[in-house]
Amino acid sequence: AITECYCIRQTPCGWCGSLGKGMLGTDDGPFDAEHCPDWVSWPDNCPTFRCSQGEQAELLWYLQCGWLPVLCFVQWLVVYIWRETLKVKHLSGPQLEALAFEVGDMLSQNTADSEGGPSDAAISYCRQQLLDMFGRKRTFEGFKKGLQCPSEERLKEGAARPYELNLSDLSVAPGEKIDTARVGPHRFQATLQVALQWRTALGASLATATGLMLLSSLYLALLRTAAREMSKDDYMWLAGVTQDLSSVAGPLQKAVSMLLSFYALDRIAWYWKVLMEGFVIQGRSHDLGMIGGVINTGTDTAWWQCYRLYRYVTINFFFTYQPYTPGLTIVGYGPLVKCGLIEPDEVVVLKTAHRGAQSITEGWISNWVAENLGGEARQQAFQALRELRNATTVTQALVEQRAPLSFESLLYLVTYCLVAIIPFAPSNIECSNRRAVMEGLHLATVFGDGIICAFYISLLHMLRHLQSPFDDIGAPHDALNPVAIMNSTERKLRDYLSAPDPHEVLAKGAAKQQESQ
């Protein structure tokens, strides 16, 4: 016997609500002569979609309805634990600030880890970032050796991290790197592994995106249960609310996409401009070294003047980026003195600067040019110095450039509103169709919502990363590494300022050959 309305599906029977039983009939009514004012001939018109077929069938239906939320919860829990584990392994900004002077002093001395000092992670991170610059001590004696300087006294080539990271620079496993020429069909897998690393935009969004997937699966489970258990009128109210949210999410998604596209493209162009200004600064520093090298006649006075210019240009480069690079802000004057870039008596002058140490070093370079160069060389050197000052000023101005507060706050708020609405606004489900809602698994809907939310949240993380283009602590994969071009510039300055005249070398060689004969 049919005891519930929805049990008439796949049968030739209809449902008589006043009698509370199923009966054979047509769309017009039952075959029996009995009057049935609330006759239901089609299962989709039943007040509820419940059809009890025993406790086992009931349990099976709820398991079918609940497995997706359970899966999403496990997924979120695994991602959350994984990201928290990564957080413990990496050094945070406040931790680095607390270790600032102690670690900076250790690095300048190149000492081993001491007991009770900073953590191994802190020492390892800072050494990797800063030993590129402070690993070797600069001395006048070593500089005077010129191109004949032995390898153990030469400056380190390259850096632990390039000026700008790309996919081929990141390891997907210890000792393994992406080879863009040979990855072939596994390129997607390798790229995904890189994209999920610590503090990448996608990796930083995973916990939130999987949490929103869990919320979406729970809401769809609620809709499925409501479609089965609630009366038609009550369910249609809930379906109407869901449909209204979907109608809001569509236009809001278009507005957010437009705002994010406009802002993201502009910030990426800005990021590339900041990157290129670093090469401009490098080029103008090279110009000063190339022009200044003309005074090196081989006398001790000439060597000392070249050494002064070498130090001034190098520390000017350093002071340009120090205020904007967290990994360099931990370096005080002490480490710079110990590695030979600054003399102790110069520290006293640098500390008295009204605006910053960089203005002092630019003045020192200007005085050096006026004292040691003349004629066309002096004119060209001053031109290079003006362009250098302009490039450093442009870089600092670009780093401090921000969008208007109203625009930026609006962008973030509407994006957060969108990702908050998406789990409650399934766009590809016709909520008024109770049977489709109740019987569908909606797996694609849940994972699609997660992907969309991850995309928008990742864009917000990327925009935050681009706000600080040299933040090697908060966003190490997206940050530019000025130490890399500082090291390259410093080595080239040594070549310019210490390379002997080839005619003098040949003359000395010929003189020695005559003496030996």
Protein backbone atom coordinates (compact mmCIF):
# COMPACT_ATOMS: atom_id res chain seq x y z
CA ALA A 1 0.00 0.00 0.00
CA ILE A 2 1.11 3.54 -0.78
CA THR A 3 1.16 5.54 2.44
CA GLU A 4 2.95 8.71 1.28
CA CYS A 5 2.35 10.94 -1.71
CA TYR A 6 5.83 10.75 -3.25
CA CYS A 7 5.67 6.95 -3.28
CA ILE A 8 3.37 7.15 -6.35
CA ARG A 9 6.42 7.80 -8.56
CA GLN A 10 7.08 5.04 -11.08
CA THR A 11 3.56 3.67 -10.44
CA PRO A 12 0.21 4.16 -12.26
CA CYS A 13 -1.33 5.49 -9.05
CA GLY A 14 -2.18 8.95 -7.81
CA TRP A 15 -2.51 10.31 -4.31
CA CYS A 16 -5.63 11.31 -2.46
CA GLY A 17 -4.65 13.60 0.35
CA SER A 18 -8.03 13.66 2.07
CA LEU A 19 -8.04 9.87 2.31
CA GLY A 20 -4.30 9.60 2.88
CA LYS A 21 -3.72 6.77 0.43
CA GLY A 22 -2.69 6.02 -3.10
CA MET A 23 -5.28 5.10 -5.69
CA LEU A 24 -5.42 4.17 -9.35
CA GLY A 25 -6.59 7.03 -11.48
CA THR A 26 -5.92 9.58 -14.18
CA ASP A 27 -5.09 13.26 -14.18
CA ASP A 28 -8.78 14.01 -13.61
CA GLY A 29 -9.15 11.90 -10.49
CA PRO A 30 -9.27 8.34 -9.14
CA PHE A 31 -11.04 5.52 -10.95
CA ASP A 32 -13.19 4.93 -7.90
CA ALA A 33 -16.31 7.02 -7.59
CA GLU A 34 -15.08 8.52 -4.33
CA HIS A 35 -14.63 12.28 -4.38
CA CYS A 36 -11.04 13.46 -3.78
CA PRO A 37 -10.70 17.25 -3.82
CA ASP A 38 -6.90 17.20 -3.35
CA TRP A 39 -6.05 14.60 -5.94
CA VAL A 40 -2.36 14.45 -7.00
CA SER A 41 -1.63 12.53 -10.16
CA TRP A 42 1.99 13.64 -10.69
CA PRO A 43 4.72 13.05 -8.04
CA ASP A 44 6.29 16.49 -8.63
CA ASN A 45 3.07 18.03 -7.25
CA CYS A 46 3.28 16.20 -3.91
CA PRO A 47 3.39 18.42 -0.81
CA THR A 48 6.63 16.71 0.24
CA PHE A 49 9.05 14.41 -1.55
CA ARG A 50 9.35 11.99 1.31
CA CYS A 51 8.81 8.27 0.65
CA SER A 52 9.66 6.09 3.62
CA GLN A 53 10.87 2.67 2.54
CA GLY A 54 12.27 1.46 5.83
CA GLU A 55 15.03 2.61 8.15
CA GLN A 56 17.76 1.25 5.90
CA ALA A 57 16.53 3.25 2.91
CA GLU A 58 16.25 6.37 5.07
CA LEU A 59 19.80 5.97 6.33
CA LEU A 60 21.06 5.39 2.80
CA TRP A 61 19.45 8.61 1.59
CA TYR A 62 20.97 10.70 4.37
CA LEU A 63 24.36 9.11 3.74
CA GLN A 64 24.01 10.01 0.08
CA CYS A 65 23.11 13.56 1.10
CA GLY A 66 25.87 13.94 3.70
CA TRP A 67 28.96 12.37 2.13
CA LEU A 68 29.87 15.54 0.18
CA PRO A 69 29.90 17.85 3.25
CA VAL A 70 31.98 15.25 5.09
CA LEU A 71 34.42 15.08 2.19
CA CYS A 72 34.66 18.89 2.06
CA PHE A 73 35.22 19.04 5.81
CA VAL A 74 38.07 16.52 5.61
CA GLN A 75 39.53 18.46 2.71
CA TRP A 76 39.37 21.74 4.63
CA LEU A 77 40.87 20.14 7.75
CA VAL A 78 43.78 18.65 5.80
CA VAL A 79 44.49 21.96 4.05
CA TYR A 80 44.27 23.91 7.30
CA ILE A 81 46.68 21.58 9.13
CA TRP A 82 49.03 21.60 6.14
CA ARG A 83 49.13 25.39 5.95
CA GLU A 84 49.59 25.72 9.72
CA THR A 85 52.51 23.28 9.49
CA LEU A 86 54.08 25.41 6.77
CA LYS A 87 53.52 28.52 8.89
CA VAL A 88 55.53 27.00 11.75
CA LYS A 89 58.38 26.09 9.39
CA HIS A 90 58.73 29.59 7.98
CA LEU A 91 59.79 32.77 9.68
CA SER A 92 57.18 35.46 10.28
CA GLY A 93 57.73 39.21 10.17
CA PRO A 94 57.43 39.83 13.96
CA GLN A 95 59.84 36.97 14.67
CA LEU A 96 62.38 38.45 12.30
CA GLU A 97 62.06 41.91 13.82
CA ALA A 98 62.65 40.47 17.29
CA LEU A 99 65.86 38.84 16.06
CA ALA A 100 66.96 41.80 13.97
CA PHE A 101 70.15 43.11 15.52
CA GLU A 102 71.30 39.82 16.99
CA VAL A 103 71.03 37.98 13.69
CA GLY A 104 72.52 40.88 11.73
CA ASP A 105 75.54 40.88 14.04
CA MET A 106 75.92 37.10 13.68
CA LEU A 107 75.79 37.30 9.92
CA SER A 108 78.41 40.03 9.68
CA GLN A 109 80.76 37.90 11.80
CA ASN A 110 79.87 34.75 9.82
CA THR A 111 79.77 32.73 13.05
CA ALA A 112 78.13 29.41 13.73
CA ASP A 113 74.79 29.10 15.45
CA SER A 114 75.06 29.81 19.13
CA GLU A 115 73.14 28.10 21.87
CA GLY A 116 70.18 30.05 23.16
CA GLY A 117 70.26 32.34 20.13
CA PRO A 118 67.82 32.65 17.25
CA SER A 119 66.07 29.57 15.93
CA ASP A 120 67.62 27.45 13.21
CA ALA A 121 64.94 28.63 10.81
CA ALA A 122 65.78 32.28 11.52
CA ILE A 123 69.52 31.76 11.11
CA SER A 124 69.05 29.72 7.94
CA TYR A 125 66.69 32.23 6.40
CA CYS A 126 68.78 35.29 7.17
CA ARG A 127 72.02 33.67 6.08
CA GLN A 128 70.47 32.67 2.81
CA GLN A 129 69.20 36.20 2.20
CA LEU A 130 72.07 38.29 3.58
CA LEU A 131 75.28 36.32 3.25
CA ASP A 132 75.09 37.10 -0.45
CA MET A 133 76.15 40.60 0.52
CA PHE A 134 77.88 40.19 3.89
CA GLY A 135 79.67 36.89 3.31
CA ARG A 136 82.99 38.54 2.38
CA LYS A 137 84.82 41.43 4.04
CA ARG A 138 85.91 44.25 1.75
CA THR A 139 89.38 45.70 2.36
CA PHE A 140 91.53 48.24 0.59
CA GLU A 141 94.30 45.66 0.29
CA GLY A 142 91.96 43.21 -1.42
CA PHE A 143 90.60 45.92 -3.71
CA LYS A 144 94.12 46.98 -4.67
CA LYS A 145 94.87 43.47 -5.92
CA GLY A 146 92.49 44.27 -8.77
CA LEU A 147 91.89 41.54 -11.29
CA GLN A 148 94.60 39.43 -9.66
CA CYS A 149 92.52 39.05 -6.50
CA PRO A 150 92.46 35.31 -5.51
CA SER A 151 89.16 33.45 -5.73
CA GLU A 152 88.84 33.06 -1.95
CA GLU A 153 88.88 36.87 -1.58
CA ARG A 154 86.55 37.67 -4.47
CA LEU A 155 82.94 38.68 -3.93
CA LYS A 156 80.34 35.95 -4.19
CA GLU A 157 78.89 35.50 -7.66
CA GLY A 158 75.13 35.51 -8.00
CA ALA A 159 72.66 35.37 -5.13
CA ALA A 160 70.62 32.77 -3.28
CA ARG A 161 67.57 34.17 -5.04
CA PRO A 162 67.46 35.98 -8.40
CA TYR A 163 66.23 39.52 -8.79
CA GLU A 164 62.85 38.19 -9.95
CA LEU A 165 61.65 34.64 -9.42
CA ASN A 166 59.95 32.67 -12.16
CA LEU A 167 58.71 29.11 -12.43
CA SER A 168 62.05 27.72 -13.56
CA ASP A 169 63.73 29.17 -10.44
CA LEU A 170 61.51 27.40 -7.90
CA SER A 171 62.14 23.87 -6.69
CA VAL A 172 59.21 21.47 -6.81
CA ALA A 173 61.16 19.01 -4.66
CA PRO A 174 64.53 19.05 -2.84
CA GLY A 175 67.24 19.25 -5.46
CA GLU A 176 64.75 19.32 -8.35
CA LYS A 177 63.75 22.29 -10.48
CA ILE A 178 61.26 22.83 -13.24
CA ASP A 179 62.89 22.43 -16.63
CA THR A 180 60.59 24.34 -18.95
CA ALA A 181 62.13 22.61 -21.96
CA ARG A 182 61.67 19.03 -20.72
CA VAL A 183 58.69 19.00 -18.37
CA GLY A 184 56.32 18.17 -21.22
CA PRO A 185 52.97 16.71 -20.14
CA HIS A 186 53.84 17.10 -16.45
CA ARG A 187 54.15 20.87 -16.72
CA PHE A 188 50.74 21.40 -15.11
CA GLN A 189 51.64 19.22 -12.13
CA ALA A 190 54.97 20.99 -11.59
CA THR A 191 53.36 24.42 -11.94
CA LEU A 192 50.65 23.49 -9.46
CA GLN A 193 53.26 22.33 -6.95
CA VAL A 194 54.98 25.69 -7.21
CA ALA A 195 51.69 27.61 -7.02
CA LEU A 196 50.83 25.90 -3.72
CA GLN A 197 54.09 26.74 -1.99
CA TRP A 198 54.25 28.90 1.11
CA ARG A 199 53.04 32.49 0.68
CA THR A 200 52.12 32.21 -2.98
CA ALA A 201 48.77 33.84 -3.77
CA LEU A 202 47.01 30.55 -4.54
CA GLY A 203 48.54 28.75 -1.57
CA ALA A 204 47.51 31.54 0.80
CA SER A 205 43.89 31.32 -0.41
CA LEU A 206 43.46 27.54 -0.06
CA ALA A 207 42.26 27.42 3.54
CA THR A 208 39.60 30.07 2.94
CA ALA A 209 38.54 28.60 -0.41
CA THR A 210 38.13 25.08 1.00
CA GLY A 211 36.19 26.54 3.94
CA LEU A 212 33.80 28.20 1.47
CA MET A 213 33.49 24.87 -0.38
CA LEU A 214 32.45 23.27 2.91
CA LEU A 215 29.88 26.03 3.42
CA SER A 216 28.55 25.49 -0.12
CA SER A 217 28.21 21.73 0.40
CA LEU A 218 26.37 22.25 3.69
CA TYR A 219 23.93 24.68 2.11
CA LEU A 220 23.25 22.33 -0.81
CA ALA A 221 22.69 19.48 1.66
CA LEU A 222 20.21 21.75 3.43
CA LEU A 223 18.43 22.46 0.12
CA ARG A 224 18.24 18.74 -0.69
CA THR A 225 16.81 17.95 2.73
CA ALA A 226 14.36 20.86 2.51
CA ALA A 227 13.20 19.71 -0.93
CA ARG A 228 12.44 16.28 0.55
CA GLU A 229 11.04 17.14 3.95
CA MET A 230 9.43 20.58 3.70
CA SER A 231 6.04 21.36 2.24
CA LYS A 232 5.99 22.74 -1.26
CA ASP A 233 5.05 26.26 -0.16
CA ASP A 234 7.73 26.41 2.54
CA TYR A 235 10.37 25.02 0.22
CA MET A 236 9.50 27.46 -2.54
CA TRP A 237 10.14 30.31 -0.10
CA LEU A 238 13.65 28.96 0.55
CA ALA A 239 14.17 28.38 -3.18
CA GLY A 240 13.10 31.98 -3.83
CA VAL A 241 15.67 33.30 -1.36
CA THR A 242 18.37 31.21 -3.04
CA GLN A 243 17.28 32.40 -6.46
CA ASP A 244 17.40 36.03 -5.28
CA LEU A 245 20.95 35.55 -4.01
CA SER A 246 21.91 34.05 -7.39
CA SER A 247 20.45 37.04 -9.19
CA VAL A 248 22.52 39.33 -6.96
CA ALA A 249 25.72 37.30 -7.35
CA GLY A 250 25.68 37.49 -11.16
CA PRO A 251 25.87 41.29 -11.57
CA LEU A 252 28.13 41.57 -8.52
CA GLN A 253 30.56 39.07 -10.05
CA LYS A 254 30.71 41.15 -13.25
CA ALA A 255 31.40 44.32 -11.27
CA VAL A 256 34.09 42.64 -9.16
CA SER A 257 35.72 41.09 -12.25
CA MET A 258 35.86 44.49 -13.93
CA LEU A 259 37.36 46.21 -10.87
CA LEU A 260 39.89 43.45 -10.23
CA SER A 261 40.92 43.26 -13.88
CA PHE A 262 41.48 47.00 -14.07
CA TYR A 263 43.39 47.19 -10.80
CA ALA A 264 45.40 43.96 -11.22
CA LEU A 265 46.62 44.85 -14.71
CA ASP A 266 47.60 48.32 -13.54
CA ARG A 267 49.50 46.96 -10.52
CA ILE A 268 51.34 44.38 -12.61
CA ALA A 269 52.44 47.13 -15.01
CA TRP A 270 53.51 49.14 -11.95
CA TYR A 271 55.43 46.11 -10.61
CA TRP A 272 57.34 45.76 -13.87
CA LYS A 273 58.17 49.46 -13.78
CA VAL A 274 59.61 49.07 -10.27
CA LEU A 275 61.60 46.08 -11.53
CA MET A 276 63.02 47.99 -14.50
CA GLU A 277 64.01 50.99 -12.35
CA GLY A 278 66.37 48.63 -10.54
CA PHE A 279 68.22 48.05 -13.81
CA VAL A 280 68.31 51.81 -14.42
CA ILE A 281 69.96 52.33 -11.03
CA GLN A 282 72.38 49.53 -11.85
CA GLY A 283 73.24 51.11 -15.21
CA ARG A 284 73.87 54.57 -13.76
CA SER A 285 76.07 53.04 -11.03
CA HIS A 286 78.04 51.29 -13.77
CA ASP A 287 78.43 54.63 -15.58
CA LEU A 288 79.95 56.23 -12.50
CA GLY A 289 82.38 53.34 -12.05
CA MET A 290 83.36 53.32 -15.74
CA ILE A 291 84.02 57.07 -15.77
CA GLY A 292 85.71 57.11 -12.36
CA GLY A 293 88.11 54.35 -13.38
CA VAL A 294 90.03 56.76 -15.62
CA ILE A 295 91.88 58.19 -12.61
CA ASN A 296 93.43 54.84 -11.61
CA THR A 297 97.04 55.46 -12.59
CA GLY A 298 98.37 52.75 -10.29
CA THR A 299 99.51 55.04 -7.46
CA ASP A 300 98.36 54.43 -3.90
CA THR A 301 96.44 57.71 -3.93
CA ALA A 302 94.59 56.74 -7.11
CA TRP A 303 93.79 53.29 -5.74
CA TRP A 304 92.42 54.82 -2.53
CA GLN A 305 90.23 57.29 -4.42
CA CYS A 306 88.83 54.47 -6.58
CA TYR A 307 88.15 52.43 -3.44
CA ARG A 308 86.24 55.37 -1.96
CA LEU A 309 84.04 55.68 -5.06
CA TYR A 310 83.46 51.93 -5.09
CA ARG A 311 82.22 52.00 -1.48
CA TYR A 312 80.09 55.13 -1.92
CA VAL A 313 78.25 53.83 -4.99
CA THR A 314 77.68 50.43 -3.38
CA ILE A 315 76.24 51.72 -0.12
CA ASN A 316 74.15 54.27 -2.04
CA PHE A 317 72.59 51.33 -3.88
CA PHE A 318 72.06 49.57 -0.54
CA PHE A 319 70.40 52.57 1.12
CA THR A 320 68.01 52.94 -1.84
CA TYR A 321 66.33 49.60 -1.11
CA GLN A 322 66.94 49.11 2.60
CA PRO A 323 63.79 50.91 3.89
CA TYR A 324 61.54 48.79 1.64
CA THR A 325 63.16 45.35 2.02
CA PRO A 326 62.41 43.66 5.37
CA GLY A 327 65.41 41.35 4.99
CA LEU A 328 67.69 44.42 4.80
CA THR A 329 66.05 46.51 7.50
CA ILE A 330 67.63 44.27 10.13
CA VAL A 331 71.07 45.48 9.03
CA GLY A 332 72.35 48.39 11.07
CA TYR A 333 75.59 50.32 10.59
CA GLY A 334 77.54 47.73 12.58
CA PRO A 335 77.36 44.94 9.96
CA LEU A 336 78.12 47.45 7.18
CA VAL A 337 81.29 48.51 9.01
CA LYS A 338 82.34 44.93 9.68
CA CYS A 339 81.97 43.91 6.05
CA GLY A 340 84.06 46.92 4.95
CA LEU A 341 81.46 48.99 3.09
CA ILE A 342 81.52 51.86 5.61
CA GLU A 343 84.36 53.30 7.68
CA PRO A 344 83.69 53.86 11.43
CA ASP A 345 84.15 57.63 11.18
CA GLU A 346 81.63 57.76 8.31
CA VAL A 347 78.92 56.26 10.53
CA VAL A 348 78.96 59.38 12.71
CA VAL A 349 78.14 61.52 9.65
CA LEU A 350 75.49 59.14 8.31
CA LYS A 351 73.63 59.10 11.61
CA THR A 352 73.24 62.89 11.56
CA ALA A 353 71.37 62.98 8.22
CA HIS A 354 68.16 65.03 8.26
CA ARG A 355 66.30 62.87 5.74
CA GLY A 356 68.30 59.68 5.33
CA ALA A 357 71.73 58.19 4.82
CA GLN A 358 71.25 58.03 1.06
CA SER A 359 71.30 61.82 0.70
CA ILE A 360 74.69 61.82 2.46
CA THR A 361 76.16 59.18 0.14
CA GLU A 362 74.90 61.05 -2.93
CA GLY A 363 76.68 64.16 -1.60
CA TRP A 364 79.86 62.15 -1.08
CA ILE A 365 79.75 60.89 -4.68
CA SER A 366 79.20 64.45 -5.93
CA ASN A 367 82.20 65.72 -3.93
CA TRP A 368 84.31 62.83 -5.21
CA VAL A 369 83.51 63.69 -8.82
CA ALA A 370 84.31 67.37 -8.24
CA GLU A 371 87.64 66.54 -6.56
CA ASN A 372 88.95 63.82 -8.87
CA LEU A 373 87.56 64.38 -12.36
CA GLY A 374 87.81 67.21 -14.83
CA GLY A 375 86.68 68.25 -18.27
CA GLU A 376 84.33 65.97 -20.19
CA ALA A 377 84.74 63.15 -17.65
CA ARG A 378 83.45 65.38 -14.86
CA GLN A 379 80.49 66.55 -16.98
CA GLN A 380 79.51 62.98 -17.91
CA ALA A 381 79.94 61.80 -14.31
CA PHE A 382 77.64 64.52 -12.99
CA GLN A 383 75.10 63.62 -15.68
CA ALA A 384 75.25 59.95 -14.61
CA LEU A 385 74.92 61.00 -10.96
CA ARG A 386 71.83 63.12 -11.70
CA GLU A 387 70.25 60.21 -13.54
CA LEU A 388 71.16 57.89 -10.67
CA ARG A 389 69.54 60.20 -8.13
CA ASN A 390 66.46 60.49 -10.34
CA ALA A 391 66.18 56.69 -10.71
CA THR A 392 66.48 56.09 -6.96
CA THR A 393 63.87 58.77 -6.28
CA VAL A 394 61.50 57.28 -8.87
CA THR A 395 61.92 53.83 -7.33
CA GLN A 396 61.11 55.08 -3.85
CA ALA A 397 58.15 57.10 -5.15
CA LEU A 398 56.79 54.08 -7.03
CA VAL A 399 57.03 51.85 -3.96
CA GLU A 400 55.01 54.35 -1.96
CA GLN A 401 52.40 54.78 -4.69
CA ARG A 402 48.99 53.48 -3.59
CA ALA A 403 45.46 53.49 -4.93
CA PRO A 404 43.00 55.91 -3.28
CA LEU A 405 41.74 54.54 0.02
CA SER A 406 38.10 54.67 -1.09
CA PHE A 407 38.79 52.63 -4.23
CA GLU A 408 40.94 50.04 -2.48
CA SER A 409 38.51 49.55 0.40
CA LEU A 410 35.59 49.29 -2.05
CA LEU A 411 37.47 46.70 -4.10
CA TYR A 412 38.20 44.50 -1.11
CA LEU A 413 34.71 44.84 0.37
CA VAL A 414 32.81 43.94 -2.80
CA THR A 415 35.14 40.98 -3.42
CA TYR A 416 34.61 39.68 0.11
CA CYS A 417 30.85 40.15 -0.29
CA LEU A 418 30.95 38.17 -3.54
CA VAL A 419 32.84 35.19 -2.13
CA ALA A 420 30.53 35.23 0.91
CA ILE A 421 27.44 35.05 -1.34
CA ILE A 422 28.71 32.41 -3.79
CA PRO A 423 28.19 29.38 -1.46
CA PHE A 424 24.52 30.39 -1.02
CA ALA A 425 23.89 31.22 -4.68
CA PRO A 426 24.39 28.12 -6.88
CA SER A 427 24.03 29.58 -10.36
CA ASN A 428 23.67 26.32 -12.32
CA ILE A 429 20.88 24.81 -10.23
CA GLU A 430 17.20 25.46 -10.86
CA CYS A 431 16.09 25.64 -7.25
CA SER A 432 12.37 25.62 -8.15
CA ASN A 433 12.78 22.09 -9.52
CA ARG A 434 12.51 20.19 -6.25
CA ARG A 435 13.23 16.79 -7.75
CA ALA A 436 16.46 17.97 -9.45
CA VAL A 437 17.60 19.60 -6.22
CA MET A 438 16.81 16.55 -4.08
CA GLU A 439 18.21 13.85 -6.37
CA GLY A 440 21.30 15.65 -7.71
CA LEU A 441 24.74 15.19 -6.13
CA HIS A 442 25.86 18.76 -7.05
CA LEU A 443 29.52 17.78 -6.86
CA ALA A 444 30.51 20.01 -9.79
CA THR A 445 28.64 22.95 -8.24
CA VAL A 446 30.53 22.69 -4.96
CA PHE A 447 33.96 22.35 -6.52
CA GLY A 448 33.15 25.05 -9.07
CA ASP A 449 32.25 27.43 -6.24
CA GLY A 450 35.54 26.56 -4.54
CA ILE A 451 37.55 27.28 -7.68
CA ILE A 452 35.80 30.62 -8.25
CA CYS A 453 36.32 31.67 -4.63
CA ALA A 454 39.98 30.59 -4.75
CA PHE A 455 40.48 32.68 -7.89
CA TYR A 456 39.07 35.88 -6.39
CA ILE A 457 40.80 35.43 -3.03
CA SER A 458 44.09 34.64 -4.78
CA LEU A 459 43.81 37.88 -6.74
CA LEU A 460 43.38 39.81 -3.49
CA HIS A 461 46.45 38.09 -2.01
CA MET A 462 48.43 38.87 -5.16
CA LEU A 463 47.44 42.55 -4.96
CA ARG A 464 48.56 42.62 -1.33
CA HIS A 465 51.89 41.09 -2.33
CA LEU A 466 52.38 43.66 -5.08
CA GLN A 467 51.81 46.48 -2.60
CA SER A 468 55.25 45.66 -1.16
CA PRO A 469 57.39 44.55 -4.12
CA PHE A 470 60.48 43.91 -1.97
CA ASP A 471 58.75 42.14 0.94
CA ASP A 472 60.98 39.06 1.11
CA ILE A 473 59.34 38.03 4.41
CA GLY A 474 55.62 38.32 3.72
CA ALA A 475 55.71 37.35 0.03
CA PRO A 476 59.11 35.77 -0.73
CA HIS A 477 58.06 34.28 -4.08
CA ASP A 478 56.63 37.50 -5.51
CA ALA A 479 59.20 39.88 -4.00
CA LEU A 480 62.06 41.34 -6.00
CA ASN A 481 65.50 40.69 -4.55
CA PRO A 482 67.63 43.86 -4.90
CA VAL A 483 70.61 42.09 -3.30
CA ALA A 484 71.02 40.12 -6.54
CA ILE A 485 71.60 43.24 -8.67
CA MET A 486 73.61 44.88 -5.86
CA ASN A 487 76.06 41.97 -5.97
CA SER A 488 76.26 42.11 -9.75
CA THR A 489 76.80 45.88 -9.69
CA GLU A 490 79.46 45.64 -7.02
CA ARG A 491 81.50 43.09 -8.97
CA LYS A 492 81.33 45.20 -12.12
CA LEU A 493 82.37 48.31 -10.20
CA ARG A 494 85.48 46.44 -9.07
CA ASP A 495 86.27 45.57 -12.68
CA TYR A 496 85.83 49.19 -13.84
CA LEU A 497 87.84 50.74 -11.01
CA SER A 498 90.67 48.20 -10.72
CA ALA A 499 91.30 47.05 -14.30
CA PRO A 500 94.78 48.12 -15.46
CA ASP A 501 95.45 49.80 -18.80
CA PRO A 502 96.40 47.01 -21.25
CA HIS A 503 99.20 49.16 -22.71
CA GLU A 504 100.73 49.51 -19.26
CA VAL A 505 100.48 45.76 -18.73
CA LEU A 506 102.22 45.11 -22.04
CA ALA A 507 104.88 47.72 -21.26
CA LYS A 508 105.60 46.19 -17.85
CA GLY A 509 105.75 42.72 -19.38
CA ALA A 510 108.18 43.90 -22.04
CA ALA A 511 110.32 45.62 -19.39
CA LYS A 512 110.49 42.47 -17.29
CA GLN A 513 111.41 40.45 -20.35
CA GLN A 514 114.27 42.84 -21.17
CA GLU A 515 115.54 42.70 -17.60
CA SER A 516 115.55 38.93 -17.66
CA GLN A 517 117.59 38.98 -20.88
